PDB file of N, CA and C in Angstrom:
ATOM      1  N   MET A   1     -10.329 -11.826   8.704  1.00  0.00           N
ATOM      2  CA  MET A   1      -9.896 -10.342   8.095  1.00  0.00           C
ATOM      3  C   MET A   1      -8.515 -10.389   7.531  1.00  0.00           C
ATOM      4  N   CYS A   2      -8.413  -9.806   5.927  1.00  0.00           N
ATOM      5  CA  CYS A   2      -6.613  -9.740   5.867  1.00  0.00           C
ATOM      6  C   CYS A   2      -7.007  -8.079   5.580  1.00  0.00           C
ATOM      7  N   LEU A   3      -5.788  -8.197   6.148  1.00  0.00           N
ATOM      8  CA  LEU A   3      -5.081  -6.559   6.556  1.00  0.00           C
ATOM      9  C   LEU A   3      -3.590  -6.102   5.800  1.00  0.00           C
ATOM     10  N   SER A   4      -3.491  -5.294   5.254  1.00  0.00           N
ATOM     11  CA  SER A   4      -1.870  -5.760   4.641  1.00  0.00           C
ATOM     12  C   SER A   4      -1.007  -4.420   4.690  1.00  0.00           C
ATOM     13  N   THR A   5       0.221  -4.875   4.855  1.00  0.00           N
ATOM     14  CA  THR A   5       1.152  -3.308   4.843  1.00  0.00           C
ATOM     15  C   THR A   5       1.664  -2.727   3.475  1.00  0.00           C
ATOM     16  N   ALA A   6       1.659  -1.682   3.614  1.00  0.00           N
ATOM     17  CA  ALA A   6       2.080  -1.335   2.089  1.00  0.00           C
ATOM     18  C   ALA A   6       3.505  -0.400   2.358  1.00  0.00           C
ATOM     19  N   TYR A   7       4.300  -0.577   0.951  1.00  0.00           N
ATOM     20  CA  TYR A   7       5.473   0.217   1.837  1.00  0.00           C
ATOM     21  C   TYR A   7       6.074   0.611   0.635  1.00  0.00           C
ATOM     22  N   LEU A   8       7.183   1.577   0.263  1.00  0.00           N
ATOM     23  CA  LEU A   8       7.451   2.494  -0.640  1.00  0.00           C
ATOM     24  C   LEU A   8       8.805   1.579  -1.570  1.00  0.00           C
ATOM     25  N   ASN A   9       8.847   1.376  -2.440  1.00  0.00           N
ATOM     26  CA  ASN A   9       9.932   1.118  -3.288  1.00  0.00           C
ATOM     27  C   ASN A   9      10.151  -0.305  -2.878  1.00  0.00           C
ATOM     28  N   GLU A  10      10.436  -0.867  -1.180  1.00  0.00           N
ATOM     29  CA  GLU A  10      11.364  -1.865  -1.222  1.00  0.00           C
ATOM     30  C   GLU A  10      10.423  -2.782   0.630  1.00  0.00           C
ATOM     31  N   LYS A  11      10.343  -3.754   0.270  1.00  0.00           N
ATOM     32  CA  LYS A  11       9.820  -4.092   1.840  1.00  0.00           C
ATOM     33  C   LYS A  11      10.894  -4.083   3.051  1.00  0.00           C
ATOM     34  N   GLU A  12      10.942  -2.915   3.246  1.00  0.00           N
ATOM     35  CA  GLU A  12      12.015  -2.472   4.586  1.00  0.00           C
ATOM     36  C   GLU A  12      11.135  -1.925   5.865  1.00  0.00           C
ATOM     37  N   GLU A  13      11.486  -2.134   6.771  1.00  0.00           N
ATOM     38  CA  GLU A  13      11.086  -1.477   8.238  1.00  0.00           C
ATOM     39  C   GLU A  13      10.552   0.388   8.309  1.00  0.00           C
ATOM     40  N   ASP A  14      11.625   0.646   7.284  1.00  0.00           N
ATOM     41  CA  ASP A  14      11.742   1.998   7.311  1.00  0.00           C
ATOM     42  C   ASP A  14      10.921   2.741   6.478  1.00  0.00           C
ATOM     43  N   LYS A  15      10.166   2.412   5.283  1.00  0.00           N
ATOM     44  CA  LYS A  15       9.801   1.838   3.493  1.00  0.00           C
ATOM     45  C   LYS A  15       8.026   1.965   4.287  1.00  0.00           C
ATOM     46  N   VAL A  16       7.785   1.685   5.527  1.00  0.00           N
ATOM     47  CA  VAL A  16       6.288   1.549   5.715  1.00  0.00           C
ATOM     48  C   VAL A  16       5.867   3.000   5.220  1.00  0.00           C
ATOM     49  N   ALA A  17       4.482   2.708   4.323  1.00  0.00           N
ATOM     50  CA  ALA A  17       3.163   3.773   3.963  1.00  0.00           C
ATOM     51  C   ALA A  17       2.632   3.964   5.378  1.00  0.00           C
ATOM     52  N   ALA A  18       1.633   2.709   5.098  1.00  0.00           N
ATOM     53  CA  ALA A  18       0.766   2.462   5.429  1.00  0.00           C
ATOM     54  C   ALA A  18       0.497   1.141   5.942  1.00  0.00           C
ATOM     55  N   ARG A  19      -0.088   0.343   7.565  1.00  0.00           N
ATOM     56  CA  ARG A  19       0.181  -0.221   8.251  1.00  0.00           C
ATOM     57  C   ARG A  19      -2.062  -0.581   8.163  1.00  0.00           C
ATOM     58  N   TYR A  20      -2.377  -1.669   7.975  1.00  0.00           N
ATOM     59  CA  TYR A  20      -3.533  -2.112   8.299  1.00  0.00           C
ATOM     60  C   TYR A  20      -4.663  -1.652   6.879  1.00  0.00           C
ATOM     61  N   VAL A  21      -3.834  -1.803   6.057  1.00  0.00           N
ATOM     62  CA  VAL A  21      -4.635  -1.401   4.816  1.00  0.00           C
ATOM     63  C   VAL A  21      -5.563  -2.326   4.474  1.00  0.00           C
ATOM     64  N   ALA A  22      -6.751  -1.998   4.283  1.00  0.00           N
ATOM     65  CA  ALA A  22      -8.101  -2.552   3.643  1.00  0.00           C
ATOM     66  C   ALA A  22      -8.582  -3.034   2.291  1.00  0.00           C
ATOM     67  N   GLU A  23      -8.641  -1.192   1.782  1.00  0.00           N
ATOM     68  CA  GLU A  23      -8.636  -1.179   0.372  1.00  0.00           C
ATOM     69  C   GLU A  23      -7.564  -0.509  -0.603  1.00  0.00           C
ATOM     70  N   ILE A  24      -7.526  -0.660  -1.146  1.00  0.00           N
ATOM     71  CA  ILE A  24      -6.752  -0.198  -2.079  1.00  0.00           C
ATOM     72  C   ILE A  24      -6.688   0.377  -3.690  1.00  0.00           C
ATOM     73  N   ARG A  25      -7.026   1.489  -4.171  1.00  0.00           N
ATOM     74  CA  ARG A  25      -7.701   2.209  -5.328  1.00  0.00           C
ATOM     75  C   ARG A  25      -6.400   2.477  -6.559  1.00  0.00           C
ATOM     76  N   VAL A  26      -6.770   2.531  -7.378  1.00  0.00           N
ATOM     77  CA  VAL A  26      -5.468   2.849  -8.542  1.00  0.00           C
ATOM     78  C   VAL A  26      -6.513   3.780  -9.676  1.00  0.00           C
ATOM     79  N   ASP A  27      -6.105   4.967  -9.670  1.00  0.00           N
ATOM     80  CA  ASP A  27      -6.565   6.150 -10.516  1.00  0.00           C
ATOM     81  C   ASP A  27      -5.274   6.211 -11.032  1.00  0.00           C
ATOM     82  N   GLY A  28      -4.842   6.127 -12.850  1.00  0.00           N
ATOM     83  CA  GLY A  28      -3.726   6.569 -13.261  1.00  0.00           C
ATOM     84  C   GLY A  28      -2.242   6.280 -12.567  1.00  0.00           C
ATOM     85  N   ASP A  29      -1.745   7.480 -12.102  1.00  0.00           N
ATOM     86  CA  ASP A  29      -0.595   7.319 -11.483  1.00  0.00           C
ATOM     87  C   ASP A  29      -0.663   7.680 -10.041  1.00  0.00           C
ATOM     88  N   GLU A  30      -1.649   7.478  -9.339  1.00  0.00           N
ATOM     89  CA  GLU A  30      -2.344   8.057  -7.777  1.00  0.00           C
ATOM     90  C   GLU A  30      -2.744   6.373  -7.674  1.00  0.00           C
ATOM     91  N   VAL A  31      -2.362   6.261  -6.108  1.00  0.00           N
ATOM     92  CA  VAL A  31      -2.901   5.089  -5.280  1.00  0.00           C
ATOM     93  C   VAL A  31      -3.340   5.217  -3.968  1.00  0.00           C
ATOM     94  N   THR A  32      -4.482   5.092  -4.110  1.00  0.00           N
ATOM     95  CA  THR A  32      -5.273   5.478  -2.603  1.00  0.00           C
ATOM     96  C   THR A  32      -5.312   4.143  -1.972  1.00  0.00           C
ATOM     97  N   LEU A  33      -4.760   4.086  -0.916  1.00  0.00           N
ATOM     98  CA  LEU A  33      -5.109   3.196   0.492  1.00  0.00           C
ATOM     99  C   LEU A  33      -5.627   3.949   1.606  1.00  0.00           C
ATOM    100  N   THR A  34      -6.474   2.951   1.874  1.00  0.00           N
ATOM    101  CA  THR A  34      -7.321   3.226   2.702  1.00  0.00           C
ATOM    102  C   THR A  34      -7.481   2.134   4.415  1.00  0.00           C
ATOM    103  N   ASP A  35      -7.228   2.473   5.112  1.00  0.00           N
ATOM    104  CA  ASP A  35      -6.688   1.584   6.513  1.00  0.00           C
ATOM    105  C   ASP A  35      -8.450   1.365   7.035  1.00  0.00           C
ATOM    106  N   VAL A  36      -8.032   0.315   7.756  1.00  0.00           N
ATOM    107  CA  VAL A  36      -9.130   0.000   8.614  1.00  0.00           C
ATOM    108  C   VAL A  36      -9.978   0.761   9.129  1.00  0.00           C
ATOM    109  N   MET A  37      -9.612   1.321   9.807  1.00  0.00           N
ATOM    110  CA  MET A  37     -10.104   2.772  10.458  1.00  0.00           C
ATOM    111  C   MET A  37     -10.575   3.763   9.384  1.00  0.00           C
ATOM    112  N   GLY A  38     -10.355   4.104   7.798  1.00  0.00           N
ATOM    113  CA  GLY A  38     -11.625   4.712   7.028  1.00  0.00           C
ATOM    114  C   GLY A  38      -9.929   5.819   6.416  1.00  0.00           C
ATOM    115  N   MET A  39      -9.213   5.822   7.318  1.00  0.00           N
ATOM    116  CA  MET A  39      -8.556   7.098   6.804  1.00  0.00           C
ATOM    117  C   MET A  39      -7.709   6.684   5.245  1.00  0.00           C
ATOM    118  N   ASP A  40      -7.674   7.544   4.471  1.00  0.00           N
ATOM    119  CA  ASP A  40      -7.011   7.308   3.265  1.00  0.00           C
ATOM    120  C   ASP A  40      -5.725   8.170   3.346  1.00  0.00           C
ATOM    121  N   MET A  41      -4.995   7.873   2.386  1.00  0.00           N
ATOM    122  CA  MET A  41      -2.957   7.653   1.814  1.00  0.00           C
ATOM    123  C   MET A  41      -3.458   8.102   0.495  1.00  0.00           C
ATOM    124  N   LYS A  42      -2.858   9.091   0.179  1.00  0.00           N
ATOM    125  CA  LYS A  42      -2.756   8.809  -1.784  1.00  0.00           C
ATOM    126  C   LYS A  42      -1.156   9.209  -2.560  1.00  0.00           C
ATOM    127  N   ILE A  43      -0.757   8.230  -2.811  1.00  0.00           N
ATOM    128  CA  ILE A  43       0.573   8.068  -3.265  1.00  0.00           C
ATOM    129  C   ILE A  43       0.686   8.139  -4.750  1.00  0.00           C
ATOM    130  N   LYS A  44       1.538   9.400  -5.190  1.00  0.00           N
ATOM    131  CA  LYS A  44       1.986   8.653  -6.833  1.00  0.00           C
ATOM    132  C   LYS A  44       2.738   7.576  -6.837  1.00  0.00           C
ATOM    133  N   GLY A  45       2.543   7.011  -7.933  1.00  0.00           N
ATOM    134  CA  GLY A  45       3.619   5.553  -8.080  1.00  0.00           C
ATOM    135  C   GLY A  45       2.642   4.779  -8.968  1.00  0.00           C
ATOM    136  N   HIS A  46       2.503   3.692  -8.651  1.00  0.00           N
ATOM    137  CA  HIS A  46       2.028   2.525  -9.493  1.00  0.00           C
ATOM    138  C   HIS A  46       2.634   1.254  -8.191  1.00  0.00           C
ATOM    139  N   ILE A  47       1.605   0.112  -8.480  1.00  0.00           N
ATOM    140  CA  ILE A  47       1.735  -1.363  -7.265  1.00  0.00           C
ATOM    141  C   ILE A  47       3.039  -2.097  -8.403  1.00  0.00           C
ATOM    142  N   SER A  48       3.438  -2.585  -7.331  1.00  0.00           N
ATOM    143  CA  SER A  48       4.999  -3.116  -8.508  1.00  0.00           C
ATOM    144  C   SER A  48       4.722  -4.153  -7.548  1.00  0.00           C
ATOM    145  N   PHE A  49       4.101  -4.908  -6.039  1.00  0.00           N
ATOM    146  CA  PHE A  49       4.413  -6.048  -6.251  1.00  0.00           C
ATOM    147  C   PHE A  49       3.466  -6.410  -5.092  1.00  0.00           C
ATOM    148  N   VAL A  50       2.907  -7.340  -4.916  1.00  0.00           N
ATOM    149  CA  VAL A  50       1.356  -8.155  -3.606  1.00  0.00           C
ATOM    150  C   VAL A  50       1.904  -9.285  -3.418  1.00  0.00           C
ATOM    151  N   ASP A  51       1.515  -9.836  -2.341  1.00  0.00           N
ATOM    152  CA  ASP A  51       1.848 -10.740  -1.504  1.00  0.00           C
ATOM    153  C   ASP A  51       0.649 -11.180  -0.776  1.00  0.00           C
ATOM    154  N   LEU A  52      -0.552 -11.387  -1.499  1.00  0.00           N
ATOM    155  CA  LEU A  52      -2.052 -11.513  -0.610  1.00  0.00           C
ATOM    156  C   LEU A  52      -1.892 -12.363   0.427  1.00  0.00           C
ATOM    157  N   THR A  53      -1.040 -13.588   0.608  1.00  0.00           N
ATOM    158  CA  THR A  53      -1.290 -14.229   1.926  1.00  0.00           C
ATOM    159  C   THR A  53      -0.418 -14.116   2.664  1.00  0.00           C
ATOM    160  N   GLY A  54       1.034 -13.094   2.361  1.00  0.00           N
ATOM    161  CA  GLY A  54       1.742 -12.129   3.200  1.00  0.00           C
ATOM    162  C   GLY A  54       1.360 -11.096   4.024  1.00  0.00           C
ATOM    163  N   GLY A  55       0.207 -10.545   3.136  1.00  0.00           N
ATOM    164  CA  GLY A  55      -0.601  -8.872   3.876  1.00  0.00           C
ATOM    165  C   GLY A  55       0.300  -7.739   3.119  1.00  0.00           C
ATOM    166  N   THR A  56       1.294  -8.185   1.945  1.00  0.00           N
ATOM    167  CA  THR A  56       2.117  -7.244   2.033  1.00  0.00           C
ATOM    168  C   THR A  56       2.055  -6.623   0.135  1.00  0.00           C
ATOM    169  N   VAL A  57       2.184  -5.253   0.636  1.00  0.00           N
ATOM    170  CA  VAL A  57       1.879  -4.238  -0.787  1.00  0.00           C
ATOM    171  C   VAL A  57       2.839  -3.284  -1.159  1.00  0.00           C
ATOM    172  N   VAL A  58       3.836  -3.572  -2.696  1.00  0.00           N
ATOM    173  CA  VAL A  58       5.321  -2.698  -2.468  1.00  0.00           C
ATOM    174  C   VAL A  58       4.417  -1.543  -3.450  1.00  0.00           C
ATOM    175  N   LEU A  59       4.520  -0.341  -3.098  1.00  0.00           N
ATOM    176  CA  LEU A  59       4.226   0.478  -4.392  1.00  0.00           C
ATOM    177  C   LEU A  59       5.687   1.209  -5.094  1.00  0.00           C
ATOM    178  N   ALA A  60       5.984   1.416  -6.040  1.00  0.00           N
ATOM    179  CA  ALA A  60       7.090   2.115  -6.841  1.00  0.00           C
ATOM    180  C   ALA A  60       6.720   3.327  -6.919  1.00  0.00           C
ATOM    181  N   THR A  61       7.515   4.338  -6.572  1.00  0.00           N
ATOM    182  CA  THR A  61       7.153   5.765  -6.519  1.00  0.00           C
ATOM    183  C   THR A  61       8.210   6.377  -7.214  1.00  0.00           C
ATOM    184  N   GLU A  62       9.146   5.595  -7.693  1.00  0.00           N
ATOM    185  CA  GLU A  62      10.488   6.270  -8.380  1.00  0.00           C
ATOM    186  C   GLU A  62      10.002   6.103  -9.990  1.00  0.00           C
TER     187      GLU A  62
END
């Protein structure tokens, strides 16, 4: 199973938005992250970077 960590604006430990992200949905300027337990987090912004092998997602919120 491939799970990711989502960060806000840059890949820094203090910028973690969600861990163990299993699903990402984009609807306009809203990104919904769903973790492995099924909990959703909605963030205004867009996807700026994804590293599928490294399990990293960076969301631009500015």
